[in-house]
Each structure stands twice: as C-alpha cells, then as structure tokens.
Protein backbone atom coordinates (compact mmCIF):
# COMPACT_ATOMS: atom_id res chain seq x y z
CA MET A 1 79.96 92.22 67.86
CA ARG A 2 78.94 96.09 68.12
CA LYS A 3 80.62 98.05 70.70
CA GLY A 4 77.52 98.73 73.07
CA SER A 5 76.84 94.89 73.44
CA PHE A 6 80.81 94.57 74.27
CA ASP A 7 80.23 97.10 76.87
CA ARG A 8 77.49 95.17 78.52
CA TYR A 9 78.91 92.03 78.66
CA ALA A 10 82.05 93.36 79.90
CA SER A 11 80.21 95.21 82.65
CA VAL A 12 78.95 92.16 83.89
CA VAL A 13 82.06 90.15 83.86
CA PHE A 14 83.64 93.39 85.92
CA ALA A 15 80.77 93.42 88.21
CA LEU A 16 81.50 89.51 88.79
CA ILE A 17 84.98 90.44 89.68
CA GLY A 18 84.02 92.93 91.87
CA ALA A 19 81.87 90.57 93.86
CA ALA A 20 84.61 88.57 93.89
CA PHE A 21 86.75 90.82 95.84
CA LEU A 22 84.01 91.74 98.01
CA PHE A 23 83.83 88.08 98.93
CA GLU A 24 87.01 87.07 99.05
CA SER A 25 88.26 90.38 101.26
CA ARG A 26 86.24 89.13 104.02
CA ASN A 27 88.34 85.88 104.34
CA ILE A 28 91.47 88.06 104.98
CA ALA A 29 92.37 88.70 108.42
CA LYS A 30 91.31 91.82 110.29
CA SER A 31 94.17 94.44 111.95
CA ALA A 32 95.67 92.36 114.97
CA TYR A 33 95.85 96.09 116.83
CA GLY A 34 92.43 96.70 116.81
CA SER A 35 92.53 99.64 114.35
CA GLU A 36 89.64 99.73 111.89
CA VAL A 37 91.71 99.92 108.84
CA GLY A 38 92.95 96.61 108.34
CA PRO A 39 94.33 94.18 105.28
CA ASN A 40 91.00 93.34 104.05
CA VAL A 41 89.65 96.80 103.60
CA PHE A 42 91.59 97.62 100.33
CA PRO A 43 90.49 94.64 98.72
CA PHE A 44 86.66 95.31 99.77
CA LEU A 45 86.66 99.00 98.96
CA LEU A 46 88.30 97.81 95.37
CA GLY A 47 85.53 95.41 95.03
CA LEU A 48 82.97 97.54 95.70
CA ILE A 49 84.51 100.38 93.22
CA LEU A 50 84.65 97.85 90.30
CA ILE A 51 80.96 97.20 91.25
CA LEU A 52 79.85 100.75 91.02
CA LEU A 53 82.12 101.64 87.78
CA SER A 54 80.41 98.17 86.08
CA VAL A 55 77.41 99.67 87.33
CA LYS A 56 77.79 103.00 85.09
CA LEU A 57 79.56 100.94 82.21
CA PHE A 58 76.32 98.88 81.81
CA LEU A 59 74.04 102.14 82.04
CA GLU A 60 75.98 104.00 79.65
CA SER A 61 76.30 101.21 77.16
CA PHE A 62 72.51 101.60 75.98
CA LYS A 63 73.56 105.39 75.54
CA SER A 64 76.60 104.44 73.04
CA VAL A 65 76.13 105.27 69.49
CA GLN A 66 78.74 103.17 66.79
CA ASN A 67 81.30 105.01 64.99
CA LYS A 68 81.49 104.42 61.80
CA ASN A 69 84.98 106.40 61.45
CA ASN A 70 87.23 103.50 60.29
CA ASP A 71 90.12 106.07 60.37
CA ARG A 72 89.69 106.81 64.03
CA GLU A 73 89.34 103.30 64.93
CA LYS A 74 92.95 102.31 63.52
CA LEU A 75 94.28 105.60 65.15
CA MET A 76 92.79 104.15 68.41
CA ILE A 77 94.33 101.11 67.64
CA LYS A 78 97.99 102.42 66.79
CA ARG A 79 97.70 104.45 69.60
CA PHE A 80 96.80 101.39 72.08
CA LEU A 81 99.56 99.14 70.45
CA ILE A 82 102.24 101.83 71.18
CA ILE A 83 101.29 102.23 74.47
CA LEU A 84 101.38 98.63 75.05
CA ILE A 85 104.62 97.83 73.72
CA ALA A 86 106.20 100.81 75.69
CA SER A 87 104.29 99.32 79.04
CA ILE A 88 105.82 95.99 77.97
CA LEU A 89 109.13 97.47 77.62
CA TYR A 90 108.72 99.34 80.61
CA ALA A 91 108.36 96.30 82.92
CA SER A 92 111.06 94.51 81.37
CA LEU A 93 113.72 97.29 81.78
CA LEU A 94 112.87 99.10 85.08
CA GLU A 95 115.79 96.54 86.87
CA THR A 96 118.37 97.06 84.05
CA ILE A 97 117.75 100.95 83.08
CA GLY A 98 116.61 101.51 86.92
CA TYR A 99 113.23 103.51 87.78
CA LEU A 100 114.21 107.21 86.87
CA ILE A 101 115.38 106.85 83.16
CA SER A 102 112.57 103.80 82.62
CA THR A 103 109.40 105.76 84.04
CA PHE A 104 110.72 108.87 82.59
CA ILE A 105 110.68 107.07 78.64
CA PHE A 106 107.36 105.41 79.23
CA LEU A 107 106.06 108.46 80.23
CA PHE A 108 107.11 110.46 77.49
CA VAL A 109 106.17 107.70 75.10
CA SER A 110 102.50 107.71 76.47
CA PHE A 111 102.25 111.43 76.87
CA GLN A 112 103.35 112.00 73.06
CA THR A 113 101.03 109.25 71.70
CA MET A 114 97.97 110.25 73.39
CA GLU A 115 98.31 114.24 72.96
CA LYS A 116 97.87 115.62 69.64
CA VAL A 117 101.26 116.87 68.34
CA GLU A 118 101.84 120.27 68.74
CA LYS A 119 104.66 123.03 68.35
CA GLY A 120 106.60 122.59 71.64
CA GLY A 121 104.48 119.92 73.20
CA TRP A 122 107.36 117.49 73.59
CA ILE A 123 109.17 120.07 75.86
CA LYS A 124 105.94 120.10 78.11
CA ASN A 125 105.75 116.47 78.06
CA ALA A 126 109.52 115.76 78.78
CA LEU A 127 109.24 118.28 81.70
CA ILE A 128 106.07 116.68 83.29
CA ALA A 129 107.73 113.34 82.93
CA GLY A 130 110.84 114.11 84.53
CA ALA A 131 109.21 115.93 87.39
CA PHE A 132 106.64 113.15 88.25
CA SER A 133 109.51 110.44 87.89
CA PHE A 134 112.00 112.43 90.03
CA CYS A 135 109.32 113.55 92.39
CA VAL A 136 107.60 109.74 93.18
CA TYR A 137 111.10 108.43 93.34
CA TYR A 138 112.15 111.17 96.12
CA LEU A 139 108.86 110.84 98.05
CA TYR A 140 109.01 106.80 97.87
CA VAL A 141 112.68 106.15 98.70
CA VAL A 142 114.04 109.29 100.74
CA VAL A 143 110.64 109.86 102.16
CA LEU A 144 109.13 106.56 102.79
CA LYS A 145 112.56 104.77 103.08
CA GLY A 146 111.39 102.24 100.17
CA SER A 147 113.54 100.87 97.66
CA LEU A 148 113.40 101.42 94.04
CA PRO A 149 116.22 101.03 91.60
CA GLY A 150 117.59 103.96 90.74
CA LEU A 151 120.34 104.75 87.95
CA PRO A 152 121.91 102.02 86.43
CA VAL A 153 125.73 101.17 87.09
CA TRP A 154 126.38 102.22 83.78
CA PHE A 155 125.40 105.68 84.16
CA SER A 156 127.28 106.62 86.88
C-alpha cells in the first residue's frame, strides 16, 4: 500500500472517530452550576480538532510523493521502535521508580532518538528533560495539590 493511499484511509477513519466524539459528547451532562464550560466541552472540542486534522491529512495525501529511500525508512522504523519500547517501559515503571526519574529517562531517550547526535547534545537533552520533569511535578503536586509518584523508597 502506498503512503498516500494509507494516509487517505487513515484520515477517513480518524474523521469517523472525531464524529463519534462529537456525537457522544452530546450525551454527557452539562455543567450543573450554569457554567458554559462543562464536562461535555472537552470531548466535543477533541472531536472537532480530530475532524479538522483529518481533513488536512486527507488533502495533503494527494500531494505526497512516495520516498523510495529504504535506508531512511529503516532508520525511521528503528526510531519508532526505540520510542515505542521507551513508552511501554515508562508506563510500566512509573509507579515503581517514580514520576521524576521515569519521565526524565523517557524524555532523555526520546530526545536522543529524535535528534541527530551532535557534540554536547546529550547535555542539552538531559537539562531539558530534567527541567521539564521537575517543573511539571512541582506545578502539579505543589501548586495544584495533585498526586504523582515521587521518588522511589529505595532512592531516599
């Protein structure tokens, strides 16, 4: 199957999923306090955005030119598999090793996989992954009073 035809089929499937989100969001109760923003707004907007992006993908699928470079495809598949394995490990180890460590490792591996390896690039990626992990943890746990698994017991 060529890339353009796959994109066309995928865009139709995603548009149908978006339409299902729009339709089903009407069945969710509106806010009880008279507010305009209720629990039904997010799924409705999600469905609308999914439909719009599907239309964009459908239109762009006619412009796409199939790339015959097999080495590039193999590299992209390798990157995809690395990030897929990192995602699975992230989800499975989140509670075991905590949010901060697991998110840092996941982001660092993902950044290193996506970026061309350059001198000193790992330092920049480590700083960005660490800052992001800490800032999100701080904002969610301290500011918003939410709960995320912190550091593991064996680390303290």
